[in-house]
Amino acid sequence: MIRTEIIGAGHYVPARVVTNHDLEQWMDTSDEWIRERTGIRTRRWIEPGETVHGMGLKATQKALQRAGIEAGE
């Protein structure tokens, strides 16, 4: 039987933080309205040109680093 184990995990979070107050500038809403209905105070948005592929690559690189292995291994 082949033994499998998780030896490293990674994640990526976009740098841009958008608050409910920021959303108030762009649409007809309020911090209170959003928080009462969703509990959300902030969210992360990707920058123009950032892709799902790129985010996955960064998360993978972090997982490999934490596992102490090189990508070619």
N, C-alpha and C. Protein backbone atom coordinates (compact mmCIF):
# COMPACT_ATOMS: atom_id res chain seq x y z
N MET A 1 0.85 -1.18 0.00
CA MET A 1 0.00 0.00 0.00
C MET A 1 0.90 1.25 0.00
N ILE A 2 0.53 2.21 -0.81
CA ILE A 2 1.27 3.47 -0.87
C ILE A 2 0.86 4.35 0.30
N ARG A 3 1.86 4.87 1.00
CA ARG A 3 1.61 5.74 2.15
C ARG A 3 1.65 7.19 1.68
N THR A 4 0.65 7.95 2.05
CA THR A 4 0.57 9.36 1.68
C THR A 4 0.47 10.20 2.94
N GLU A 5 1.19 11.33 2.95
CA GLU A 5 1.07 12.24 4.08
C GLU A 5 1.22 13.68 3.59
N ILE A 6 0.62 14.58 4.31
CA ILE A 6 0.77 16.01 4.03
C ILE A 6 1.98 16.49 4.81
N ILE A 7 2.97 17.03 4.10
CA ILE A 7 4.19 17.48 4.78
C ILE A 7 4.35 18.99 4.76
N GLY A 8 3.47 19.67 4.06
CA GLY A 8 3.52 21.13 4.04
C GLY A 8 2.22 21.68 3.49
N ALA A 9 1.83 22.82 4.00
CA ALA A 9 0.62 23.49 3.53
C ALA A 9 0.96 24.96 3.28
N GLY A 10 0.29 25.54 2.33
CA GLY A 10 0.54 26.94 2.02
C GLY A 10 -0.75 27.66 1.69
N HIS A 11 -0.68 28.96 1.75
CA HIS A 11 -1.84 29.78 1.40
C HIS A 11 -1.33 31.10 0.82
N TYR A 12 -2.23 31.81 0.19
CA TYR A 12 -1.92 33.14 -0.32
C TYR A 12 -3.12 34.03 -0.08
N VAL A 13 -2.87 35.22 0.42
CA VAL A 13 -3.93 36.19 0.66
C VAL A 13 -3.55 37.48 -0.08
N PRO A 14 -4.40 37.97 -0.97
CA PRO A 14 -4.08 39.22 -1.67
C PRO A 14 -3.81 40.35 -0.68
N ALA A 15 -2.93 41.26 -1.05
CA ALA A 15 -2.50 42.34 -0.16
C ALA A 15 -3.57 43.42 0.02
N ARG A 16 -4.38 43.64 -0.98
CA ARG A 16 -5.34 44.75 -0.94
C ARG A 16 -6.52 44.44 -0.02
N VAL A 17 -6.66 45.23 1.03
CA VAL A 17 -7.77 45.08 1.98
C VAL A 17 -8.83 46.12 1.63
N VAL A 18 -10.06 45.67 1.44
CA VAL A 18 -11.18 46.56 1.14
C VAL A 18 -12.16 46.47 2.31
N THR A 19 -12.41 47.60 2.95
CA THR A 19 -13.30 47.64 4.10
C THR A 19 -14.73 47.95 3.67
N ASN A 20 -15.65 47.76 4.58
CA ASN A 20 -17.03 48.14 4.31
C ASN A 20 -17.13 49.64 4.07
N HIS A 21 -16.31 50.41 4.77
CA HIS A 21 -16.30 51.86 4.57
C HIS A 21 -15.85 52.21 3.15
N ASP A 22 -14.89 51.43 2.61
CA ASP A 22 -14.48 51.62 1.22
C ASP A 22 -15.65 51.38 0.28
N LEU A 23 -16.42 50.33 0.54
CA LEU A 23 -17.56 50.00 -0.32
C LEU A 23 -18.62 51.10 -0.29
N GLU A 24 -18.73 51.80 0.83
CA GLU A 24 -19.70 52.90 0.93
C GLU A 24 -19.43 53.98 -0.12
N GLN A 25 -18.16 54.12 -0.53
CA GLN A 25 -17.79 55.12 -1.52
C GLN A 25 -18.22 54.72 -2.93
N TRP A 26 -18.38 53.41 -3.17
CA TRP A 26 -18.66 52.91 -4.51
C TRP A 26 -20.10 52.49 -4.73
N MET A 27 -20.83 52.21 -3.65
CA MET A 27 -22.20 51.72 -3.82
C MET A 27 -23.07 52.17 -2.66
N ASP A 28 -24.35 52.04 -2.83
CA ASP A 28 -25.31 52.46 -1.81
C ASP A 28 -25.42 51.38 -0.74
N THR A 29 -24.54 51.44 0.25
CA THR A 29 -24.52 50.49 1.36
C THR A 29 -23.87 51.15 2.55
N SER A 30 -23.80 50.46 3.65
CA SER A 30 -23.12 50.99 4.83
C SER A 30 -22.42 49.85 5.56
N ASP A 31 -21.44 50.22 6.35
CA ASP A 31 -20.72 49.24 7.16
C ASP A 31 -21.71 48.47 8.04
N GLU A 32 -22.61 49.19 8.67
CA GLU A 32 -23.59 48.57 9.57
C GLU A 32 -24.47 47.56 8.82
N TRP A 33 -24.96 47.93 7.64
CA TRP A 33 -25.83 47.06 6.86
C TRP A 33 -25.11 45.76 6.52
N ILE A 34 -23.87 45.87 6.06
CA ILE A 34 -23.10 44.68 5.67
C ILE A 34 -22.80 43.81 6.89
N ARG A 35 -22.32 44.42 7.97
CA ARG A 35 -21.96 43.65 9.17
C ARG A 35 -23.16 42.93 9.77
N GLU A 36 -24.31 43.59 9.83
CA GLU A 36 -25.50 42.97 10.41
C GLU A 36 -25.95 41.74 9.63
N ARG A 37 -25.80 41.78 8.32
CA ARG A 37 -26.29 40.70 7.48
C ARG A 37 -25.26 39.60 7.21
N THR A 38 -23.99 39.97 7.23
CA THR A 38 -22.96 39.00 6.85
C THR A 38 -21.88 38.79 7.90
N GLY A 39 -21.68 39.78 8.77
CA GLY A 39 -20.57 39.71 9.72
C GLY A 39 -19.24 40.12 9.13
N ILE A 40 -19.25 40.47 7.86
CA ILE A 40 -18.01 40.83 7.16
C ILE A 40 -17.63 42.28 7.46
N ARG A 41 -16.35 42.51 7.79
CA ARG A 41 -15.83 43.86 8.01
C ARG A 41 -14.84 44.25 6.91
N THR A 42 -14.04 43.29 6.48
CA THR A 42 -13.07 43.52 5.42
C THR A 42 -13.03 42.31 4.50
N ARG A 43 -12.51 42.52 3.32
CA ARG A 43 -12.29 41.44 2.38
C ARG A 43 -11.01 41.75 1.62
N ARG A 44 -10.45 40.75 0.96
CA ARG A 44 -9.22 40.91 0.18
C ARG A 44 -9.58 40.86 -1.30
N TRP A 45 -9.04 41.82 -2.04
CA TRP A 45 -9.25 41.87 -3.48
C TRP A 45 -7.91 41.73 -4.17
N ILE A 46 -7.91 41.04 -5.30
CA ILE A 46 -6.69 40.92 -6.09
C ILE A 46 -6.46 42.22 -6.85
N GLU A 47 -5.21 42.45 -7.19
CA GLU A 47 -4.84 43.62 -7.98
C GLU A 47 -5.04 43.31 -9.47
N PRO A 48 -5.21 44.35 -10.29
CA PRO A 48 -5.32 44.12 -11.74
C PRO A 48 -4.11 43.32 -12.23
N GLY A 49 -4.36 42.33 -13.04
CA GLY A 49 -3.30 41.50 -13.58
C GLY A 49 -2.97 40.29 -12.72
N GLU A 50 -3.43 40.27 -11.49
CA GLU A 50 -3.20 39.11 -10.63
C GLU A 50 -4.19 38.02 -11.06
N THR A 51 -3.73 36.77 -11.07
CA THR A 51 -4.57 35.68 -11.55
C THR A 51 -4.71 34.58 -10.50
N VAL A 52 -5.68 33.72 -10.70
CA VAL A 52 -5.85 32.56 -9.83
C VAL A 52 -4.60 31.68 -9.94
N HIS A 53 -4.07 31.55 -11.14
CA HIS A 53 -2.86 30.75 -11.34
C HIS A 53 -1.72 31.31 -10.51
N GLY A 54 -1.52 32.61 -10.55
CA GLY A 54 -0.45 33.23 -9.78
C GLY A 54 -0.63 33.06 -8.28
N MET A 55 -1.87 33.17 -7.82
CA MET A 55 -2.13 32.99 -6.39
C MET A 55 -1.86 31.55 -5.98
N GLY A 56 -2.26 30.61 -6.83
CA GLY A 56 -2.00 29.20 -6.55
C GLY A 56 -0.52 28.89 -6.52
N LEU A 57 0.23 29.51 -7.43
CA LEU A 57 1.67 29.32 -7.47
C LEU A 57 2.32 29.81 -6.18
N LYS A 58 1.91 30.98 -5.70
CA LYS A 58 2.47 31.52 -4.45
C LYS A 58 2.14 30.62 -3.27
N ALA A 59 0.94 30.09 -3.22
CA ALA A 59 0.56 29.18 -2.14
C ALA A 59 1.37 27.88 -2.22
N THR A 60 1.58 27.39 -3.43
CA THR A 60 2.36 26.17 -3.62
C THR A 60 3.80 26.38 -3.18
N GLN A 61 4.38 27.52 -3.55
CA GLN A 61 5.75 27.82 -3.15
C GLN A 61 5.88 27.87 -1.63
N LYS A 62 4.90 28.44 -0.96
CA LYS A 62 4.92 28.49 0.50
C LYS A 62 4.83 27.08 1.09
N ALA A 63 3.98 26.24 0.52
CA ALA A 63 3.85 24.87 1.01
C ALA A 63 5.15 24.10 0.85
N LEU A 64 5.79 24.25 -0.29
CA LEU A 64 7.07 23.57 -0.52
C LEU A 64 8.14 24.06 0.45
N GLN A 65 8.18 25.37 0.68
CA GLN A 65 9.14 25.94 1.61
C GLN A 65 8.92 25.37 3.02
N ARG A 66 7.67 25.34 3.45
CA ARG A 66 7.36 24.81 4.79
C ARG A 66 7.69 23.33 4.91
N ALA A 67 7.58 22.61 3.80
CA ALA A 67 7.88 21.18 3.80
C ALA A 67 9.38 20.93 3.72
N GLY A 68 10.13 21.97 3.34
CA GLY A 68 11.57 21.83 3.23
C GLY A 68 12.01 21.06 2.01
N ILE A 69 11.26 21.18 0.92
CA ILE A 69 11.63 20.48 -0.31
C ILE A 69 11.66 21.47 -1.48
N GLU A 70 12.37 21.06 -2.53
CA GLU A 70 12.46 21.85 -3.75
C GLU A 70 11.37 21.40 -4.72
N ALA A 71 10.97 22.28 -5.62
CA ALA A 71 9.89 21.97 -6.57
C ALA A 71 10.22 20.76 -7.44
N GLY A 72 11.45 20.53 -7.76
CA GLY A 72 11.83 19.42 -8.63
C GLY A 72 11.91 18.07 -7.96
N GLU A 73 11.78 18.04 -6.65
CA GLU A 73 11.91 16.76 -5.94
C GLU A 73 10.68 15.89 -6.11
